[in-house]
């Protein structure tokens, strides 16, 4: 029981780390065609995430790998039920990665516009679809006791699912704008500071609407009512959201980015704590829920994996922390001149 519980929260933690790291990449990509008024602006935006984006996606592979190894039944049911949105996310991520490398290979307006479009689409659709997918998981997926999905992709685009998608897009836009205030200078930095402030104004009512809708559309609050101390997660997420605005106004750029990272972490764990012990709940019958206890691998497998992640996850975190520290300075014209693609 303890091993399954530990792995449940490790599973949630890995998804949270992916959202807070790759989230600002998605946010920059979503803002890319609107905030990048000149080619130089766009190159600064690309260079701001260039050394980090592929490392951030390691957490997606890790989260998927943990789902497969620790909870194989969940992996099988999840990837068959959500096959279409997950496949669309995969293609979007592929096109985004290709676009980031190919954009500067030819000095042609048409060439650049094509890849610029794919950078935007490859950032917007994963952000939206991850939000839609997780909101639907919170509400429950229509699958039976054999793990067979009784629905179609359009059923996932329900009001609550779309609200979750919009929430993710706005969270990532705020996170991306805050990262750009760290990496940009001058007028571009001020532009992103204003974008962060405006995005925050839209994010707050959407987040409140999502919290209210979750009460009616899901059973997430059951755990919170049973253990009121869990409401601290919501309080901390809301506090972090307001701190992101406060630090932005004070021009404490890194603190603002860190606060938006904590906001994403809090929003993710709002769902994780509410779901426990269910990883993949069934909307057809609660008895068919896939939980940490009925869908896990053997205790021996979980023990071996726990030893492995205890060794390697801290190493990955240390390496990424070093990378972030190494590339913490703003992007300069000298950096752009050194870009071999140009």
C-alpha atoms as a PDB file:
ATOM      1  CA  UNK A   1       0.000   0.000   0.000  1.00  0.00           C
ATOM      2  CA  UNK A   2       2.786   2.424   0.894  1.00  0.00           C
ATOM      3  CA  UNK A   3       4.725   1.658  -2.282  1.00  0.00           C
ATOM      4  CA  UNK A   4       1.669   2.267  -4.463  1.00  0.00           C
ATOM      5  CA  UNK A   5       0.946   5.539  -2.666  1.00  0.00           C
ATOM      6  CA  UNK A   6       4.546   6.705  -3.072  1.00  0.00           C
ATOM      7  CA  UNK A   7       4.458   5.938  -6.775  1.00  0.00           C
ATOM      8  CA  UNK A   8       1.101   7.659  -7.193  1.00  0.00           C
ATOM      9  CA  UNK A   9       2.564  10.927  -5.920  1.00  0.00           C
ATOM     10  CA  UNK A  10       5.812  10.428  -7.842  1.00  0.00           C
ATOM     11  CA  UNK A  11       3.669  10.009 -10.944  1.00  0.00           C
ATOM     12  CA  UNK A  12       1.910  13.293 -10.194  1.00  0.00           C
ATOM     13  CA  UNK A  13       5.192  15.027  -9.385  1.00  0.00           C
ATOM     14  CA  UNK A  14       6.736  14.066 -12.723  1.00  0.00           C
ATOM     15  CA  UNK A  15       3.740  15.476 -14.620  1.00  0.00           C
ATOM     16  CA  UNK A  16       3.932  18.652 -12.527  1.00  0.00           C
ATOM     17  CA  UNK A  17       7.659  19.066 -13.288  1.00  0.00           C
ATOM     18  CA  UNK A  18       6.983  18.587 -16.998  1.00  0.00           C
ATOM     19  CA  UNK A  19       4.253  21.234 -16.977  1.00  0.00           C
ATOM     20  CA  UNK A  20       6.348  23.796 -15.101  1.00  0.00           C
ATOM     21  CA  UNK A  21       9.470  23.255 -17.249  1.00  0.00           C
ATOM     22  CA  UNK A  22       8.091  22.729 -20.741  1.00  0.00           C
ATOM     23  CA  UNK A  23       5.183  25.007 -19.867  1.00  0.00           C
ATOM     24  CA  UNK A  24       7.182  28.181 -20.459  1.00  0.00           C
ATOM     25  CA  UNK A  25       8.373  26.729 -23.786  1.00  0.00           C
ATOM     26  CA  UNK A  26       4.753  26.272 -24.810  1.00  0.00           C
ATOM     27  CA  UNK A  27       3.935  29.749 -23.541  1.00  0.00           C
ATOM     28  CA  UNK A  28       6.700  31.384 -25.573  1.00  0.00           C
ATOM     29  CA  UNK A  29       5.551  29.476 -28.644  1.00  0.00           C
ATOM     30  CA  UNK A  30       1.939  30.556 -28.154  1.00  0.00           C
ATOM     31  CA  UNK A  31       2.982  34.204 -27.784  1.00  0.00           C
ATOM     32  CA  UNK A  32       5.529  33.900 -30.607  1.00  0.00           C
ATOM     33  CA  UNK A  33       3.513  35.274 -33.564  1.00  0.00           C
ATOM     34  CA  UNK A  34       1.903  38.036 -31.479  1.00  0.00           C
ATOM     35  CA  UNK A  35       4.776  39.306 -29.323  1.00  0.00           C
ATOM     36  CA  UNK A  36       7.511  38.838 -31.936  1.00  0.00           C
ATOM     37  CA  UNK A  37       7.013  41.978 -33.995  1.00  0.00           C
ATOM     38  CA  UNK A  38      10.367  41.771 -35.801  1.00  0.00           C
ATOM     39  CA  UNK A  39      12.614  38.949 -36.892  1.00  0.00           C
ATOM     40  CA  UNK A  40      15.057  39.930 -34.145  1.00  0.00           C
ATOM     41  CA  UNK A  41      12.291  39.665 -31.540  1.00  0.00           C
ATOM     42  CA  UNK A  42      11.454  36.189 -32.758  1.00  0.00           C
ATOM     43  CA  UNK A  43      15.088  35.112 -32.695  1.00  0.00           C
ATOM     44  CA  UNK A  44      15.418  36.365 -29.125  1.00  0.00           C
ATOM     45  CA  UNK A  45      12.333  34.329 -28.195  1.00  0.00           C
ATOM     46  CA  UNK A  46      13.720  31.206 -29.837  1.00  0.00           C
ATOM     47  CA  UNK A  47      17.128  31.666 -28.231  1.00  0.00           C
ATOM     48  CA  UNK A  48      15.479  32.190 -24.839  1.00  0.00           C
ATOM     49  CA  UNK A  49      14.289  28.595 -24.834  1.00  0.00           C
ATOM     50  CA  UNK A  50      16.701  27.123 -27.364  1.00  0.00           C
ATOM     51  CA  UNK A  51      19.187  25.514 -24.932  1.00  0.00           C
ATOM     52  CA  UNK A  52      16.461  24.189 -22.638  1.00  0.00           C
ATOM     53  CA  UNK A  53      13.344  23.026 -24.489  1.00  0.00           C
ATOM     54  CA  UNK A  54      14.531  19.535 -25.464  1.00  0.00           C
ATOM     55  CA  UNK A  55      15.788  18.886 -21.936  1.00  0.00           C
ATOM     56  CA  UNK A  56      12.408  19.951 -20.579  1.00  0.00           C
ATOM     57  CA  UNK A  57      10.691  17.316 -22.704  1.00  0.00           C
ATOM     58  CA  UNK A  58      12.678  14.613 -20.901  1.00  0.00           C
ATOM     59  CA  UNK A  59      10.125  14.944 -18.103  1.00  0.00           C
ATOM     60  CA  UNK A  60       7.322  14.010 -20.504  1.00  0.00           C
ATOM     61  CA  UNK A  61       9.176  10.827 -21.453  1.00  0.00           C
ATOM     62  CA  UNK A  62       9.834  10.146 -17.767  1.00  0.00           C
ATOM     63  CA  UNK A  63       6.181  10.649 -16.804  1.00  0.00           C
ATOM     64  CA  UNK A  64       5.058   8.375 -19.632  1.00  0.00           C
ATOM     65  CA  UNK A  65       7.701   5.790 -18.739  1.00  0.00           C
ATOM     66  CA  UNK A  66       6.662   5.760 -15.081  1.00  0.00           C
ATOM     67  CA  UNK A  67       3.032   5.295 -16.114  1.00  0.00           C
ATOM     68  CA  UNK A  68       4.049   2.318 -18.235  1.00  0.00           C
ATOM     69  CA  UNK A  69       6.341   0.697 -15.665  1.00  0.00           C
ATOM     70  CA  UNK A  70       4.525   1.445 -12.404  1.00  0.00           C
ATOM     71  CA  UNK A  71       0.908   1.376 -13.598  1.00  0.00           C
ATOM     72  CA  UNK A  72       0.741  -0.666 -16.820  1.00  0.00           C
ATOM     73  CA  UNK A  73      -3.056  -1.030 -16.759  1.00  0.00           C
ATOM     74  CA  UNK A  74      -3.405   2.735 -16.559  1.00  0.00           C
ATOM     75  CA  UNK A  75      -0.951   3.159 -19.420  1.00  0.00           C
ATOM     76  CA  UNK A  76      -2.857   0.715 -21.612  1.00  0.00           C
ATOM     77  CA  UNK A  77      -6.281   2.213 -20.896  1.00  0.00           C
ATOM     78  CA  UNK A  78      -5.142   5.828 -20.983  1.00  0.00           C
ATOM     79  CA  UNK A  79      -3.297   5.557 -24.289  1.00  0.00           C
ATOM     80  CA  UNK A  80      -6.171   3.723 -25.946  1.00  0.00           C
ATOM     81  CA  UNK A  81      -8.898   6.009 -24.559  1.00  0.00           C
ATOM     82  CA  UNK A  82      -7.010   9.232 -25.262  1.00  0.00           C
ATOM     83  CA  UNK A  83      -5.250   7.926 -28.369  1.00  0.00           C
ATOM     84  CA  UNK A  84      -6.272  10.724 -30.746  1.00  0.00           C
ATOM     85  CA  UNK A  85      -5.372  13.728 -28.539  1.00  0.00           C
ATOM     86  CA  UNK A  86      -2.114  12.079 -27.435  1.00  0.00           C
ATOM     87  CA  UNK A  87      -1.203  11.339 -31.057  1.00  0.00           C
ATOM     88  CA  UNK A  88      -1.977  14.947 -32.005  1.00  0.00           C
ATOM     89  CA  UNK A  89       0.259  16.110 -29.138  1.00  0.00           C
ATOM     90  CA  UNK A  90       3.046  13.843 -30.401  1.00  0.00           C
ATOM     91  CA  UNK A  91       2.843  15.190 -33.958  1.00  0.00           C
ATOM     92  CA  UNK A  92       2.678  18.770 -32.683  1.00  0.00           C
ATOM     93  CA  UNK A  93       5.800  18.269 -30.568  1.00  0.00           C
ATOM     94  CA  UNK A  94       7.625  16.713 -33.539  1.00  0.00           C
ATOM     95  CA  UNK A  95       6.722  19.596 -35.852  1.00  0.00           C
ATOM     96  CA  UNK A  96       7.681  22.136 -33.188  1.00  0.00           C
ATOM     97  CA  UNK A  97      11.105  20.554 -32.716  1.00  0.00           C
ATOM     98  CA  UNK A  98      11.737  20.438 -36.462  1.00  0.00           C
ATOM     99  CA  UNK A  99      10.570  24.042 -36.885  1.00  0.00           C
ATOM    100  CA  UNK A 100      12.910  25.327 -34.183  1.00  0.00           C
ATOM    101  CA  UNK A 101      15.899  23.867 -36.041  1.00  0.00           C
ATOM    102  CA  UNK A 102      14.826  24.568 -39.639  1.00  0.00           C
ATOM    103  CA  UNK A 103      13.533  28.140 -39.372  1.00  0.00           C
ATOM    104  CA  UNK A 104      16.902  29.821 -39.816  1.00  0.00           C
ATOM    105  CA  UNK A 105      18.356  27.524 -42.445  1.00  0.00           C
ATOM    106  CA  UNK A 106      17.191  29.594 -45.424  1.00  0.00           C
ATOM    107  CA  UNK A 107      16.888  33.380 -45.608  1.00  0.00           C
ATOM    108  CA  UNK A 108      13.403  33.484 -47.109  1.00  0.00           C
ATOM    109  CA  UNK A 109      10.232  35.170 -45.746  1.00  0.00           C
ATOM    110  CA  UNK A 110       8.019  32.320 -46.971  1.00  0.00           C
ATOM    111  CA  UNK A 111      10.296  29.688 -45.460  1.00  0.00           C
ATOM    112  CA  UNK A 112      10.379  31.436 -42.098  1.00  0.00           C
ATOM    113  CA  UNK A 113       6.628  32.045 -42.064  1.00  0.00           C
ATOM    114  CA  UNK A 114       5.966  28.342 -42.607  1.00  0.00           C
ATOM    115  CA  UNK A 115       8.113  27.293 -39.661  1.00  0.00           C
ATOM    116  CA  UNK A 116       6.857  30.184 -37.530  1.00  0.00           C
ATOM    117  CA  UNK A 117       3.330  28.873 -38.014  1.00  0.00           C
ATOM    118  CA  UNK A 118       4.396  25.378 -36.961  1.00  0.00           C
ATOM    119  CA  UNK A 119       6.179  26.760 -33.882  1.00  0.00           C
ATOM    120  CA  UNK A 120       2.905  28.386 -32.807  1.00  0.00           C
ATOM    121  CA  UNK A 121       0.708  25.378 -33.606  1.00  0.00           C
ATOM    122  CA  UNK A 122       3.247  22.980 -32.059  1.00  0.00           C
ATOM    123  CA  UNK A 123       3.039  24.957 -28.828  1.00  0.00           C
ATOM    124  CA  UNK A 124      -0.657  25.882 -28.691  1.00  0.00           C
ATOM    125  CA  UNK A 125      -2.166  22.461 -29.390  1.00  0.00           C
ATOM    126  CA  UNK A 126      -0.104  20.492 -26.827  1.00  0.00           C
ATOM    127  CA  UNK A 127      -0.930  23.092 -24.160  1.00  0.00           C
ATOM    128  CA  UNK A 128      -4.634  22.983 -25.016  1.00  0.00           C
ATOM    129  CA  UNK A 129      -4.847  19.205 -25.401  1.00  0.00           C
ATOM    130  CA  UNK A 130      -2.940  18.436 -22.195  1.00  0.00           C
ATOM    131  CA  UNK A 131      -5.429  20.626 -20.364  1.00  0.00           C
ATOM    132  CA  UNK A 132      -8.377  18.965 -22.075  1.00  0.00           C
ATOM    133  CA  UNK A 133      -6.993  15.495 -21.338  1.00  0.00           C
ATOM    134  CA  UNK A 134      -6.315  16.102 -17.653  1.00  0.00           C
ATOM    135  CA  UNK A 135      -9.638  17.880 -17.109  1.00  0.00           C
ATOM    136  CA  UNK A 136     -11.392  14.854 -18.586  1.00  0.00           C
ATOM    137  CA  UNK A 137      -9.353  12.557 -16.347  1.00  0.00           C
ATOM    138  CA  UNK A 138     -10.447  14.621 -13.348  1.00  0.00           C
ATOM    139  CA  UNK A 139     -14.088  14.263 -14.427  1.00  0.00           C
ATOM    140  CA  UNK A 140     -13.757  10.589 -15.373  1.00  0.00           C
ATOM    141  CA  UNK A 141     -13.333   8.781 -18.687  1.00  0.00           C
ATOM    142  CA  UNK A 142     -16.126   6.543 -20.044  1.00  0.00           C
ATOM    143  CA  UNK A 143     -14.476   3.110 -20.037  1.00  0.00           C
ATOM    144  CA  UNK A 144     -15.811  -0.232 -18.850  1.00  0.00           C
ATOM    145  CA  UNK A 145     -14.414  -2.964 -16.629  1.00  0.00           C
ATOM    146  CA  UNK A 146     -12.439  -4.332 -19.597  1.00  0.00           C
ATOM    147  CA  UNK A 147     -10.765  -0.980 -20.149  1.00  0.00           C
ATOM    148  CA  UNK A 148     -12.692  -0.358 -23.384  1.00  0.00           C
ATOM    149  CA  UNK A 149     -13.414   3.285 -24.166  1.00  0.00           C
ATOM    150  CA  UNK A 150     -17.069   4.151 -24.830  1.00  0.00           C
ATOM    151  CA  UNK A 151     -16.853   7.491 -26.547  1.00  0.00           C
ATOM    152  CA  UNK A 152     -15.049   9.518 -29.186  1.00  0.00           C
ATOM    153  CA  UNK A 153     -12.689  12.441 -29.383  1.00  0.00           C
ATOM    154  CA  UNK A 154     -15.504  14.991 -29.614  1.00  0.00           C
ATOM    155  CA  UNK A 155     -16.814  13.866 -26.229  1.00  0.00           C
ATOM    156  CA  UNK A 156     -13.535  15.011 -24.734  1.00  0.00           C
ATOM    157  CA  UNK A 157     -14.241  18.530 -26.003  1.00  0.00           C
ATOM    158  CA  UNK A 158     -16.940  19.067 -23.395  1.00  0.00           C
ATOM    159  CA  UNK A 159     -17.279  22.414 -21.559  1.00  0.00           C
ATOM    160  CA  UNK A 160     -15.248  21.281 -18.538  1.00  0.00           C
ATOM    161  CA  UNK A 161     -12.549  19.743 -20.737  1.00  0.00           C
ATOM    162  CA  UNK A 162     -12.267  22.913 -22.836  1.00  0.00           C
ATOM    163  CA  UNK A 163     -12.142  25.028 -19.667  1.00  0.00           C
ATOM    164  CA  UNK A 164      -9.199  22.911 -18.516  1.00  0.00           C
ATOM    165  CA  UNK A 165      -7.540  23.421 -21.890  1.00  0.00           C
ATOM    166  CA  UNK A 166      -7.975  27.195 -21.724  1.00  0.00           C
ATOM    167  CA  UNK A 167      -6.603  27.198 -18.164  1.00  0.00           C
ATOM    168  CA  UNK A 168      -3.459  25.347 -19.270  1.00  0.00           C
ATOM    169  CA  UNK A 169      -2.940  27.708 -22.225  1.00  0.00           C
ATOM    170  CA  UNK A 170      -3.191  30.779 -19.978  1.00  0.00           C
ATOM    171  CA  UNK A 171      -0.944  29.276 -17.281  1.00  0.00           C
ATOM    172  CA  UNK A 172       1.712  28.528 -19.880  1.00  0.00           C
ATOM    173  CA  UNK A 173       1.356  31.954 -21.506  1.00  0.00           C
ATOM    174  CA  UNK A 174       1.951  33.633 -18.141  1.00  0.00           C
ATOM    175  CA  UNK A 175       4.880  31.320 -17.435  1.00  0.00           C
ATOM    176  CA  UNK A 176       6.387  31.956 -20.866  1.00  0.00           C
ATOM    177  CA  UNK A 177       5.966  35.719 -20.619  1.00  0.00           C
ATOM    178  CA  UNK A 178       7.650  35.688 -17.210  1.00  0.00           C
ATOM    179  CA  UNK A 179      10.574  33.723 -18.631  1.00  0.00           C
ATOM    180  CA  UNK A 180      10.939  36.247 -21.441  1.00  0.00           C
ATOM    181  CA  UNK A 181      11.184  39.111 -18.935  1.00  0.00           C
ATOM    182  CA  UNK A 182      14.292  37.325 -17.642  1.00  0.00           C
ATOM    183  CA  UNK A 183      15.790  36.660 -21.078  1.00  0.00           C
ATOM    184  CA  UNK A 184      14.848  39.829 -22.984  1.00  0.00           C
ATOM    185  CA  UNK A 185      16.085  43.388 -22.574  1.00  0.00           C
ATOM    186  CA  UNK A 186      14.825  46.893 -23.254  1.00  0.00           C
ATOM    187  CA  UNK A 187      11.515  47.396 -25.028  1.00  0.00           C
ATOM    188  CA  UNK A 188      10.987  43.677 -25.628  1.00  0.00           C
ATOM    189  CA  UNK A 189      11.333  42.980 -21.904  1.00  0.00           C
ATOM    190  CA  UNK A 190       8.757  45.666 -21.106  1.00  0.00           C
ATOM    191  CA  UNK A 191       6.438  44.241 -23.747  1.00  0.00           C
ATOM    192  CA  UNK A 192       6.514  40.837 -22.105  1.00  0.00           C
ATOM    193  CA  UNK A 193       6.012  42.377 -18.670  1.00  0.00           C
ATOM    194  CA  UNK A 194       2.803  43.945 -20.003  1.00  0.00           C
ATOM    195  CA  UNK A 195       1.778  40.677 -21.656  1.00  0.00           C
ATOM    196  CA  UNK A 196       2.278  38.848 -18.352  1.00  0.00           C
ATOM    197  CA  UNK A 197       0.121  41.414 -16.544  1.00  0.00           C
ATOM    198  CA  UNK A 198      -2.670  41.206 -19.135  1.00  0.00           C
ATOM    199  CA  UNK A 199      -2.542  37.405 -19.239  1.00  0.00           C
ATOM    200  CA  UNK A 200      -2.794  37.312 -15.438  1.00  0.00           C
ATOM    201  CA  UNK A 201      -5.976  39.396 -15.570  1.00  0.00           C
ATOM    202  CA  UNK A 202      -7.602  36.791 -17.814  1.00  0.00           C
ATOM    203  CA  UNK A 203      -6.125  33.812 -15.967  1.00  0.00           C
ATOM    204  CA  UNK A 204      -7.602  34.699 -12.560  1.00  0.00           C
ATOM    205  CA  UNK A 205     -11.315  34.471 -13.554  1.00  0.00           C
ATOM    206  CA  UNK A 206     -10.640  31.342 -15.625  1.00  0.00           C
ATOM    207  CA  UNK A 207      -8.889  29.686 -12.663  1.00  0.00           C
ATOM    208  CA  UNK A 208     -11.777  30.611 -10.358  1.00  0.00           C
ATOM    209  CA  UNK A 209     -14.257  29.226 -12.897  1.00  0.00           C
ATOM    210  CA  UNK A 210     -12.267  25.989 -13.115  1.00  0.00           C
ATOM    211  CA  UNK A 211     -12.225  25.568  -9.331  1.00  0.00           C
ATOM    212  CA  UNK A 212     -15.988  26.098  -9.180  1.00  0.00           C
ATOM    213  CA  UNK A 213     -16.675  23.866 -12.187  1.00  0.00           C
ATOM    214  CA  UNK A 214     -14.529  21.117 -10.634  1.00  0.00           C
ATOM    215  CA  UNK A 215     -16.919  21.010  -7.673  1.00  0.00           C
ATOM    216  CA  UNK A 216     -19.844  20.166  -9.947  1.00  0.00           C
ATOM    217  CA  UNK A 217     -18.146  18.205 -12.755  1.00  0.00           C
ATOM    218  CA  UNK A 218     -15.795  16.029 -10.685  1.00  0.00           C
ATOM    219  CA  UNK A 219     -15.428  14.318  -7.337  1.00  0.00           C
ATOM    220  CA  UNK A 220     -12.050  15.954  -6.669  1.00  0.00           C
ATOM    221  CA  UNK A 221     -13.326  17.808  -3.619  1.00  0.00           C
ATOM    222  CA  UNK A 222     -14.299  14.582  -1.829  1.00  0.00           C
ATOM    223  CA  UNK A 223     -10.729  14.128  -0.585  1.00  0.00           C
ATOM    224  CA  UNK A 224     -10.533  17.771   0.422  1.00  0.00           C
ATOM    225  CA  UNK A 225     -13.719  17.545   2.447  1.00  0.00           C
ATOM    226  CA  UNK A 226     -12.457  14.379   4.157  1.00  0.00           C
ATOM    227  CA  UNK A 227      -9.068  16.012   4.880  1.00  0.00           C
ATOM    228  CA  UNK A 228      -9.521  19.802   5.098  1.00  0.00           C
ATOM    229  CA  UNK A 229      -5.749  20.268   5.462  1.00  0.00           C
ATOM    230  CA  UNK A 230      -5.527  19.559   1.721  1.00  0.00           C
ATOM    231  CA  UNK A 231      -7.166  22.922   1.022  1.00  0.00           C
ATOM    232  CA  UNK A 232      -3.715  24.324   1.765  1.00  0.00           C
ATOM    233  CA  UNK A 233      -2.740  23.168  -1.745  1.00  0.00           C
ATOM    234  CA  UNK A 234      -5.381  25.445  -3.269  1.00  0.00           C
ATOM    235  CA  UNK A 235      -4.409  28.301  -0.956  1.00  0.00           C
ATOM    236  CA  UNK A 236      -0.734  27.987  -1.909  1.00  0.00           C
ATOM    237  CA  UNK A 237      -1.577  27.844  -5.637  1.00  0.00           C
ATOM    238  CA  UNK A 238      -3.728  30.980  -5.363  1.00  0.00           C
ATOM    239  CA  UNK A 239      -1.050  32.731  -3.287  1.00  0.00           C
ATOM    240  CA  UNK A 240       1.609  31.861  -5.869  1.00  0.00           C
ATOM    241  CA  UNK A 241      -0.622  33.218  -8.633  1.00  0.00           C
ATOM    242  CA  UNK A 242      -0.975  36.563  -6.867  1.00  0.00           C
ATOM    243  CA  UNK A 243       2.735  36.648  -6.069  1.00  0.00           C
ATOM    244  CA  UNK A 244       3.452  36.240  -9.788  1.00  0.00           C
ATOM    245  CA  UNK A 245       1.543  39.463 -10.417  1.00  0.00           C
ATOM    246  CA  UNK A 246       3.136  41.225  -7.441  1.00  0.00           C
ATOM    247  CA  UNK A 247       6.692  40.364  -8.465  1.00  0.00           C
ATOM    248  CA  UNK A 248       5.940  41.312 -12.065  1.00  0.00           C
ATOM    249  CA  UNK A 249       4.828  44.765 -10.903  1.00  0.00           C
ATOM    250  CA  UNK A 250       8.014  45.050  -8.810  1.00  0.00           C
ATOM    251  CA  UNK A 251      10.110  43.991 -11.821  1.00  0.00           C
ATOM    252  CA  UNK A 252      11.495  41.056  -9.846  1.00  0.00           C
ATOM    253  CA  UNK A 253      11.527  38.950 -12.995  1.00  0.00           C
ATOM    254  CA  UNK A 254      12.959  35.682 -11.708  1.00  0.00           C
ATOM    255  CA  UNK A 255      10.708  35.716  -8.645  1.00  0.00           C
ATOM    256  CA  UNK A 256       7.707  36.251 -10.925  1.00  0.00           C
ATOM    257  CA  UNK A 257       8.728  33.259 -13.050  1.00  0.00           C
ATOM    258  CA  UNK A 258       9.293  31.123  -9.960  1.00  0.00           C
ATOM    259  CA  UNK A 259       5.859  32.129  -8.641  1.00  0.00           C
ATOM    260  CA  UNK A 260       4.178  31.124 -11.903  1.00  0.00           C
ATOM    261  CA  UNK A 261       6.078  27.812 -11.715  1.00  0.00           C
ATOM    262  CA  UNK A 262       4.655  27.239  -8.227  1.00  0.00           C
ATOM    263  CA  UNK A 263       1.197  28.129  -9.563  1.00  0.00           C
ATOM    264  CA  UNK A 264       1.457  25.383 -12.181  1.00  0.00           C
ATOM    265  CA  UNK A 265       2.749  22.959  -9.553  1.00  0.00           C
ATOM    266  CA  UNK A 266      -0.160  23.822  -7.250  1.00  0.00           C
ATOM    267  CA  UNK A 267      -2.764  23.486 -10.005  1.00  0.00           C
ATOM    268  CA  UNK A 268      -1.410  20.065 -10.941  1.00  0.00           C
ATOM    269  CA  UNK A 269      -1.412  18.815  -7.362  1.00  0.00           C
ATOM    270  CA  UNK A 270      -4.917  20.173  -6.853  1.00  0.00           C
ATOM    271  CA  UNK A 271      -5.976  17.438  -9.260  1.00  0.00           C
ATOM    272  CA  UNK A 272      -3.526  14.814  -8.000  1.00  0.00           C
ATOM    273  CA  UNK A 273      -4.633  15.090  -4.366  1.00  0.00           C
ATOM    274  CA  UNK A 274      -8.260  15.131  -5.450  1.00  0.00           C
ATOM    275  CA  UNK A 275      -7.882  12.004  -7.572  1.00  0.00           C
ATOM    276  CA  UNK A 276      -6.084   9.823  -5.017  1.00  0.00           C
ATOM    277  CA  UNK A 277      -6.093   6.852  -5.110  1.00  0.00           C
ATOM    278  CA  UNK A 278      -7.586   6.864  -8.633  1.00  0.00           C
ATOM    279  CA  UNK A 279      -5.180   7.503 -11.485  1.00  0.00           C
ATOM    280  CA  UNK A 280      -7.739   6.981 -14.227  1.00  0.00           C
ATOM    281  CA  UNK A 281     -11.334   7.134 -12.961  1.00  0.00           C
ATOM    282  CA  UNK A 282     -14.251   5.691 -14.929  1.00  0.00           C
ATOM    283  CA  UNK A 283     -17.290   7.906 -15.400  1.00  0.00           C
ATOM    284  CA  UNK A 284     -19.406   4.803 -16.095  1.00  0.00           C
ATOM    285  CA  UNK A 285     -18.906   3.066 -12.760  1.00  0.00           C
ATOM    286  CA  UNK A 286     -16.591   4.050  -9.863  1.00  0.00           C
ATOM    287  CA  UNK A 287     -15.965   0.340  -9.263  1.00  0.00           C
ATOM    288  CA  UNK A 288     -14.077   0.290 -12.573  1.00  0.00           C
ATOM    289  CA  UNK A 289     -11.647   3.063 -11.558  1.00  0.00           C
ATOM    290  CA  UNK A 290      -7.995   2.289 -12.138  1.00  0.00           C
ATOM    291  CA  UNK A 291      -6.261   3.146  -8.905  1.00  0.00           C
ATOM    292  CA  UNK A 292      -2.767   3.076  -7.457  1.00  0.00           C
ATOM    293  CA  UNK A 293      -3.715  -0.184  -5.747  1.00  0.00           C
ATOM    294  CA  UNK A 294      -5.483  -2.206  -8.458  1.00  0.00           C
ATOM    295  CA  UNK A 295      -3.416  -1.116 -11.472  1.00  0.00           C
ATOM    296  CA  UNK A 296       0.145  -1.166 -10.188  1.00  0.00           C
ATOM    297  CA  UNK A 297       3.052  -3.411 -11.060  1.00  0.00           C
ATOM    298  CA  UNK A 298       4.385  -5.989  -8.618  1.00  0.00           C
ATOM    299  CA  UNK A 299       5.931  -4.798  -5.313  1.00  0.00           C
ATOM    300  CA  UNK A 300       9.354  -5.990  -6.498  1.00  0.00           C
ATOM    301  CA  UNK A 301       9.091  -3.880  -9.658  1.00  0.00           C
ATOM    302  CA  UNK A 302       8.057  -0.836  -7.652  1.00  0.00           C
ATOM    303  CA  UNK A 303      10.938  -1.333  -5.207  1.00  0.00           C
ATOM    304  CA  UNK A 304      13.536  -1.626  -7.965  1.00  0.00           C
ATOM    305  CA  UNK A 305      12.126   1.422  -9.756  1.00  0.00           C
ATOM    306  CA  UNK A 306      12.112   3.406  -6.531  1.00  0.00           C
ATOM    307  CA  UNK A 307      15.836   2.754  -6.088  1.00  0.00           C
ATOM    308  CA  UNK A 308      16.495   3.767  -9.696  1.00  0.00           C
ATOM    309  CA  UNK A 309      14.546   7.031  -9.550  1.00  0.00           C
ATOM    310  CA  UNK A 310      16.036   7.874  -6.155  1.00  0.00           C
ATOM    311  CA  UNK A 311      19.453   7.842  -7.823  1.00  0.00           C
ATOM    312  CA  UNK A 312      18.781   9.280 -11.274  1.00  0.00           C
ATOM    313  CA  UNK A 313      16.012  11.841 -10.751  1.00  0.00           C
ATOM    314  CA  UNK A 314      18.206  13.981  -8.443  1.00  0.00           C
ATOM    315  CA  UNK A 315      20.987  13.748 -11.039  1.00  0.00           C
ATOM    316  CA  UNK A 316      18.648  14.973 -13.782  1.00  0.00           C
ATOM    317  CA  UNK A 317      17.369  17.779 -11.558  1.00  0.00           C
ATOM    318  CA  UNK A 318      20.938  18.799 -10.705  1.00  0.00           C
ATOM    319  CA  UNK A 319      21.932  18.781 -14.376  1.00  0.00           C
ATOM    320  CA  UNK A 320      18.915  20.828 -15.421  1.00  0.00           C
ATOM    321  CA  UNK A 321      19.468  23.287 -12.569  1.00  0.00           C
ATOM    322  CA  UNK A 322      23.014  23.758 -13.814  1.00  0.00           C
ATOM    323  CA  UNK A 323      21.717  24.294 -17.358  1.00  0.00           C
ATOM    324  CA  UNK A 324      19.226  26.910 -16.199  1.00  0.00           C
ATOM    325  CA  UNK A 325      21.977  28.658 -14.241  1.00  0.00           C
ATOM    326  CA  UNK A 326      24.319  28.546 -17.233  1.00  0.00           C
ATOM    327  CA  UNK A 327      21.749  30.155 -19.544  1.00  0.00           C
ATOM    328  CA  UNK A 328      20.223  32.552 -17.008  1.00  0.00           C
ATOM    329  CA  UNK A 329      21.546  35.741 -18.641  1.00  0.00           C
ATOM    330  CA  UNK A 330      19.515  37.775 -21.157  1.00  0.00           C
ATOM    331  CA  UNK A 331      19.882  37.060 -24.864  1.00  0.00           C
ATOM    332  CA  UNK A 332      22.137  39.667 -26.484  1.00  0.00           C
ATOM    333  CA  UNK A 333      22.971  40.662 -30.049  1.00  0.00           C
ATOM    334  CA  UNK A 334      26.261  38.807 -29.648  1.00  0.00           C
ATOM    335  CA  UNK A 335      24.325  35.632 -28.909  1.00  0.00           C
ATOM    336  CA  UNK A 336      22.274  36.130 -32.054  1.00  0.00           C
ATOM    337  CA  UNK A 337      25.408  36.752 -34.135  1.00  0.00           C
ATOM    338  CA  UNK A 338      26.858  33.449 -32.903  1.00  0.00           C
ATOM    339  CA  UNK A 339      23.797  31.526 -34.086  1.00  0.00           C
ATOM    340  CA  UNK A 340      25.212  29.340 -36.859  1.00  0.00           C
ATOM    341  CA  UNK A 341      21.827  29.092 -38.579  1.00  0.00           C
ATOM    342  CA  UNK A 342      22.117  32.771 -39.431  1.00  0.00           C
END
